[in-house]
């Protein structure tokens, strides 16, 4: 049964790689199997309009343009995910970009101390369409710490 799961997941990954040009993708749940129980227990905050709670309902959306998809015949259905936020998407991304501080640092590794003292990881940020490198941990009293590197910082370019 586990071989069947792997075969199905690999086939779907291959199809996604061929048809889409996204920089990163992740299949959260293996196909035809139920999701984990701990993800179902998350509680969403209640949405309100003019102080009134909005319950569950149906939202109908008309897609005006789908420029990155292949030709969709008239009368066919398209399924997409809609995000409802307090601000329009473009304004929300602009707000997230405003609060970033850019600092240029030069870290020099010496033969006596080959470690920089930081752990980095690749991640995909919602306001960028490319993978970035984020600083996950900074060791106290290391060259990175002395240079002013902080945890959850973003590395734009390194040589």
Protein backbone atom coordinates (compact mmCIF):
# COMPACT_ATOMS: atom_id res chain seq x y z
CA UNK A 1 0.00 0.00 0.00
CA UNK A 2 2.86 2.41 0.75
CA UNK A 3 4.38 1.74 -2.69
CA UNK A 4 1.05 2.62 -4.27
CA UNK A 5 0.94 5.89 -2.31
CA UNK A 6 4.46 6.78 -3.46
CA UNK A 7 3.69 5.95 -7.10
CA UNK A 8 0.55 8.13 -7.07
CA UNK A 9 2.33 11.02 -5.32
CA UNK A 10 5.28 10.84 -7.76
CA UNK A 11 2.92 10.84 -10.76
CA UNK A 12 1.12 13.94 -9.46
CA UNK A 13 4.46 15.69 -8.76
CA UNK A 14 5.59 14.97 -12.33
CA UNK A 15 2.36 16.35 -13.78
CA UNK A 16 2.63 19.50 -11.65
CA UNK A 17 6.27 20.00 -12.74
CA UNK A 18 5.34 19.70 -16.43
CA UNK A 19 2.23 21.90 -16.42
CA UNK A 20 3.10 24.69 -13.95
CA UNK A 21 6.03 27.04 -13.63
CA UNK A 22 5.78 27.73 -9.90
CA UNK A 23 9.16 28.04 -8.15
CA UNK A 24 8.12 25.78 -5.27
CA UNK A 25 5.18 23.54 -4.60
CA UNK A 26 4.20 21.17 -1.86
CA UNK A 27 1.65 18.38 -1.79
CA UNK A 28 0.31 18.52 1.75
CA UNK A 29 -1.83 15.41 1.66
CA UNK A 30 -1.22 12.29 -0.33
CA UNK A 31 -4.04 11.76 -2.82
CA UNK A 32 -7.04 9.63 -1.86
CA UNK A 33 -6.09 9.61 1.82
CA UNK A 34 -7.59 11.69 4.63
CA UNK A 35 -5.62 14.68 6.00
CA UNK A 36 -3.98 14.64 9.41
CA UNK A 37 -6.30 15.17 12.36
CA UNK A 38 -4.22 18.00 13.89
CA UNK A 39 -4.77 20.20 10.81
CA UNK A 40 -8.53 19.84 11.07
CA UNK A 41 -8.63 21.18 14.64
CA UNK A 42 -7.37 24.67 13.73
CA UNK A 43 -9.91 27.36 14.61
CA UNK A 44 -10.42 30.23 12.17
CA UNK A 45 -11.34 33.66 13.57
CA UNK A 46 -14.87 34.84 12.90
CA UNK A 47 -15.29 37.27 10.02
CA UNK A 48 -17.29 40.42 10.71
CA UNK A 49 -18.84 43.10 8.51
CA UNK A 50 -20.07 46.24 10.28
CA UNK A 51 -19.91 44.39 13.62
CA UNK A 52 -22.08 41.47 12.42
CA UNK A 53 -20.67 37.94 12.30
CA UNK A 54 -20.59 36.29 8.91
CA UNK A 55 -21.31 32.57 8.98
CA UNK A 56 -20.47 29.87 6.46
CA UNK A 57 -21.84 30.40 3.02
CA UNK A 58 -21.14 30.26 -0.68
CA UNK A 59 -19.13 32.85 -2.59
CA UNK A 60 -19.44 32.97 -6.35
CA UNK A 61 -16.46 34.47 -8.18
CA UNK A 62 -16.15 35.27 -11.88
CA UNK A 63 -12.63 34.79 -13.23
CA UNK A 64 -11.95 37.57 -15.74
CA UNK A 65 -8.50 36.47 -16.82
CA UNK A 66 -6.24 33.47 -16.29
CA UNK A 67 -3.05 34.38 -18.12
CA UNK A 68 -0.78 31.57 -16.89
CA UNK A 69 -3.17 28.72 -17.62
CA UNK A 70 -3.57 26.88 -20.92
CA UNK A 71 -6.66 27.61 -23.01
CA UNK A 72 -9.87 26.93 -21.09
CA UNK A 73 -12.84 26.04 -23.32
CA UNK A 74 -16.00 28.14 -22.83
CA UNK A 75 -18.44 26.55 -20.41
CA UNK A 76 -15.79 24.64 -18.48
CA UNK A 77 -15.28 25.15 -14.75
CA UNK A 78 -12.17 26.53 -13.11
CA UNK A 79 -11.45 25.99 -9.42
CA UNK A 80 -9.26 28.44 -7.53
CA UNK A 81 -8.47 29.51 -3.97
CA UNK A 82 -9.70 32.89 -2.77
CA UNK A 83 -8.11 34.74 0.15
CA UNK A 84 -10.22 37.23 2.11
CA UNK A 85 -8.08 39.77 3.99
CA UNK A 86 -8.56 43.12 5.68
CA UNK A 87 -6.75 44.89 2.79
CA UNK A 88 -6.58 44.33 -0.98
CA UNK A 89 -3.82 41.90 -1.96
CA UNK A 90 -1.54 44.49 -3.62
CA UNK A 91 -1.86 46.87 -0.67
CA UNK A 92 -1.24 44.04 1.81
CA UNK A 93 1.98 43.07 0.00
CA UNK A 94 3.08 46.73 -0.05
CA UNK A 95 2.47 46.99 3.73
CA UNK A 96 4.58 43.89 4.36
CA UNK A 97 7.42 45.29 2.24
CA UNK A 98 7.48 48.67 4.04
CA UNK A 99 8.69 47.39 7.40
CA UNK A 100 11.85 45.70 6.15
CA UNK A 101 15.22 47.14 7.12
CA UNK A 102 18.06 46.60 4.66
CA UNK A 103 21.56 46.28 6.11
CA UNK A 104 24.70 45.44 4.18
CA UNK A 105 27.08 43.24 6.17
CA UNK A 106 30.42 41.73 5.35
CA UNK A 107 31.24 38.54 7.26
CA UNK A 108 34.82 37.34 7.02
CA UNK A 109 35.64 33.73 7.84
CA UNK A 110 39.08 33.25 9.33
CA UNK A 111 41.01 29.97 9.32
CA UNK A 112 41.02 30.05 13.14
CA UNK A 113 37.19 30.16 13.31
CA UNK A 114 35.67 28.60 10.17
CA UNK A 115 32.05 28.82 11.43
CA UNK A 116 29.99 31.96 10.81
CA UNK A 117 27.61 31.11 13.64
CA UNK A 118 24.29 31.10 11.82
CA UNK A 119 21.89 28.54 10.41
CA UNK A 120 20.00 29.42 7.24
CA UNK A 121 17.08 27.80 5.41
CA UNK A 122 15.39 28.19 2.03
CA UNK A 123 11.82 29.44 2.14
CA UNK A 124 9.19 30.93 -0.16
CA UNK A 125 7.79 34.25 1.10
CA UNK A 126 4.23 35.23 0.13
CA UNK A 127 5.27 38.63 -1.25
CA UNK A 128 8.05 37.24 -3.48
CA UNK A 129 7.74 34.80 -6.32
CA UNK A 130 11.19 33.29 -5.80
CA UNK A 131 12.83 31.28 -3.04
CA UNK A 132 14.83 33.29 -0.49
CA UNK A 133 17.31 32.41 2.23
CA UNK A 134 16.16 33.17 5.79
CA UNK A 135 18.39 33.21 8.86
CA UNK A 136 17.00 30.56 11.19
CA UNK A 137 19.43 30.77 14.13
CA UNK A 138 22.35 32.97 15.19
CA UNK A 139 24.90 31.66 17.70
CA UNK A 140 25.77 34.17 20.47
CA UNK A 141 29.31 35.67 20.30
CA UNK A 142 29.84 34.33 16.77
CA UNK A 143 31.09 36.41 13.80
CA UNK A 144 27.49 36.66 12.53
CA UNK A 145 26.25 37.89 15.93
CA UNK A 146 29.08 40.43 16.20
CA UNK A 147 28.30 41.74 12.70
CA UNK A 148 24.69 42.42 13.72
CA UNK A 149 22.90 39.53 12.02
CA UNK A 150 19.50 38.81 13.60
CA UNK A 151 17.30 35.74 13.59
CA UNK A 152 14.54 35.66 10.92
CA UNK A 153 16.60 38.02 8.76
CA UNK A 154 16.53 37.69 5.00
CA UNK A 155 19.63 37.17 2.88
CA UNK A 156 19.24 38.78 -0.54
CA UNK A 157 22.63 38.03 -2.01
CA UNK A 158 25.76 36.28 -0.88
CA UNK A 159 29.07 35.59 -2.63
